[in-house]
Amino acid sequence: MDSMTLTCPVTVKAKVTADLKTRLAAEIQDAIRKADMELQHIDLYARKVMAEQAKQDAQGLTALRQQIDMEKSKRLEVKSRMTERLKETAELELGSEIVQGTMERTVTVSVGDDLHAIMSAEILLEDGKIIAFRS
């Protein structure tokens, strides 16, 4: 066998621009708004369900309250993380590079190829456009 076909990860990085910072901030703010809406829905749902539960079986109120509090805690944690990410986004320096994710590529390797170079492939974007391939 002279060669082999592999699937390798490719890191996707983006050069920080004013447009990227604006877009990232808008996405994070949307996530914060979504968490706020979910918290409001949980509160409305909690009032309704707690009233019904109190009429049917007061014993189940504690367990129900714990479940509701756990759901609220999850949303508050998400909101807190997103708020922190929003601060981090504001502090990004223009021209720096950030990782946006990974993709996969199929590559044919042969005896003697540098596997480390193949496995460390990157794509660099600027405002959504590919500006460089790196190994």
Protein backbone atom coordinates (compact mmCIF):
# COMPACT_ATOMS: atom_id res chain seq x y z
CA MET A 1 0.00 0.00 0.00
CA ASP A 2 1.54 3.31 -1.13
CA SER A 3 -1.09 5.73 0.19
CA MET A 4 -4.06 6.01 2.51
CA THR A 5 -7.07 8.32 2.66
CA LEU A 6 -7.74 9.91 6.05
CA THR A 7 -10.25 12.31 7.53
CA CYS A 8 -8.42 15.08 9.39
CA PRO A 9 -9.60 18.06 11.44
CA VAL A 10 -9.12 21.59 10.14
CA THR A 11 -9.20 24.49 12.60
CA VAL A 12 -11.17 27.48 11.38
CA LYS A 13 -9.86 30.80 12.68
CA ALA A 14 -11.15 34.30 12.06
CA LYS A 15 -9.22 37.54 11.99
CA VAL A 16 -10.92 39.98 14.37
CA THR A 17 -12.45 42.92 12.55
CA ALA A 18 -14.97 45.53 13.65
CA ASP A 19 -17.68 43.68 11.69
CA LEU A 20 -16.82 40.37 13.38
CA LYS A 21 -16.94 41.95 16.84
CA THR A 22 -20.34 43.49 16.03
CA ARG A 23 -21.70 40.19 14.71
CA LEU A 24 -20.41 38.19 17.69
CA ALA A 25 -21.84 40.75 20.14
CA ALA A 26 -25.24 40.60 18.39
CA GLU A 27 -25.28 36.78 18.55
CA ILE A 28 -24.39 36.82 22.24
CA GLN A 29 -27.02 39.48 22.99
CA ASP A 30 -29.61 37.31 21.21
CA ALA A 31 -28.62 34.37 23.43
CA ILE A 32 -29.00 36.57 26.52
CA ARG A 33 -32.45 37.71 25.38
CA LYS A 34 -33.43 34.09 24.75
CA ALA A 35 -32.32 33.12 28.27
CA ASP A 36 -34.34 36.05 29.68
CA MET A 37 -37.44 34.92 27.76
CA GLU A 38 -36.97 31.35 28.97
CA LEU A 39 -36.71 32.62 32.56
CA GLN A 40 -39.98 34.54 32.12
CA HIS A 41 -41.68 31.42 30.70
CA ILE A 42 -40.40 29.35 33.60
CA ASP A 43 -41.82 31.88 36.08
CA LEU A 44 -45.22 31.87 34.37
CA TYR A 45 -45.21 28.09 34.16
CA ALA A 46 -44.12 27.81 37.80
CA ARG A 47 -46.99 29.96 39.06
CA LYS A 48 -49.52 27.94 37.11
CA VAL A 49 -48.14 24.52 38.01
CA MET A 50 -47.51 25.38 41.66
CA ALA A 51 -51.12 26.52 42.07
CA GLU A 52 -52.41 23.32 40.46
CA GLN A 53 -50.06 21.18 42.53
CA ALA A 54 -51.16 22.88 45.76
CA LYS A 55 -54.77 21.99 44.99
CA GLN A 56 -53.98 18.35 44.16
CA ASP A 57 -51.15 17.34 46.46
CA ALA A 58 -49.22 19.67 48.75
CA GLN A 59 -46.58 16.94 49.26
CA GLY A 60 -45.32 17.33 45.69
CA LEU A 61 -44.74 21.08 46.01
CA THR A 62 -41.19 20.73 47.36
CA ALA A 63 -40.05 18.43 44.58
CA LEU A 64 -41.73 20.61 41.97
CA ARG A 65 -40.13 23.75 43.42
CA GLN A 66 -36.69 22.08 43.30
CA GLN A 67 -37.19 21.10 39.67
CA ILE A 68 -38.26 24.64 38.74
CA ASP A 69 -35.35 26.17 40.65
CA MET A 70 -32.94 23.83 38.86
CA GLU A 71 -34.28 24.93 35.46
CA LYS A 72 -34.00 28.58 36.47
CA SER A 73 -30.42 28.01 37.65
CA LYS A 74 -29.48 26.51 34.30
CA ARG A 75 -30.82 29.56 32.44
CA LEU A 76 -29.14 31.97 34.87
CA GLU A 77 -25.84 30.14 34.37
CA VAL A 78 -26.18 30.41 30.58
CA LYS A 79 -26.99 34.10 30.91
CA SER A 80 -23.96 34.62 33.15
CA ARG A 81 -21.65 32.81 30.70
CA MET A 82 -23.02 34.82 27.78
CA THR A 83 -22.54 38.09 29.67
CA GLU A 84 -18.92 37.11 30.32
CA ARG A 85 -18.44 36.23 26.63
CA LEU A 86 -19.89 39.62 25.69
CA LYS A 87 -17.24 41.32 27.84
CA GLU A 88 -14.51 39.14 26.29
CA THR A 89 -15.75 39.98 22.79
CA ALA A 90 -15.58 43.70 23.52
CA GLU A 91 -11.95 43.27 24.60
CA LEU A 92 -10.83 41.45 21.43
CA GLU A 93 -8.05 43.29 19.64
CA LEU A 94 -8.55 44.12 15.99
CA GLY A 95 -6.27 41.99 13.83
CA SER A 96 -5.93 39.17 16.36
CA GLU A 97 -7.17 35.69 15.50
CA ILE A 98 -9.82 33.63 17.26
CA VAL A 99 -10.86 30.01 16.79
CA GLN A 100 -14.36 29.72 15.40
CA GLY A 101 -14.56 25.96 15.15
CA THR A 102 -13.35 22.92 13.29
CA MET A 103 -14.21 21.19 10.07
CA GLU A 104 -13.03 17.95 8.52
CA ARG A 105 -11.20 17.31 5.31
CA THR A 106 -10.29 14.17 3.45
CA VAL A 107 -6.62 13.86 2.57
CA THR A 108 -4.54 11.18 0.89
CA VAL A 109 -1.24 10.55 2.64
CA SER A 110 1.76 8.65 1.39
CA VAL A 111 4.85 7.19 3.00
CA GLY A 112 7.17 10.06 3.93
CA ASP A 113 4.44 12.71 4.37
CA ASP A 114 4.63 14.92 7.48
CA LEU A 115 1.55 13.83 9.43
CA HIS A 116 1.94 16.65 11.98
CA ALA A 117 1.72 19.25 9.23
CA ILE A 118 -1.34 17.55 7.77
CA MET A 119 -3.05 17.33 11.17
CA SER A 120 -2.39 21.00 12.03
CA ALA A 121 -4.17 22.48 9.03
CA GLU A 122 -5.99 25.79 9.49
CA ILE A 123 -8.26 28.03 7.47
CA LEU A 124 -8.10 31.76 8.20
CA LEU A 125 -11.16 33.90 7.54
CA GLU A 126 -11.65 37.64 7.39
CA ASP A 127 -15.28 38.77 7.46
CA GLY A 128 -16.39 35.31 6.32
CA LYS A 129 -13.98 35.08 3.39
CA ILE A 130 -11.07 32.66 3.24
CA ILE A 131 -7.81 34.60 3.19
CA ALA A 132 -5.30 31.83 3.95
CA PHE A 133 -4.70 28.10 4.31
CA ARG A 134 -2.06 27.12 6.84
CA SER A 135 -0.26 23.90 7.66
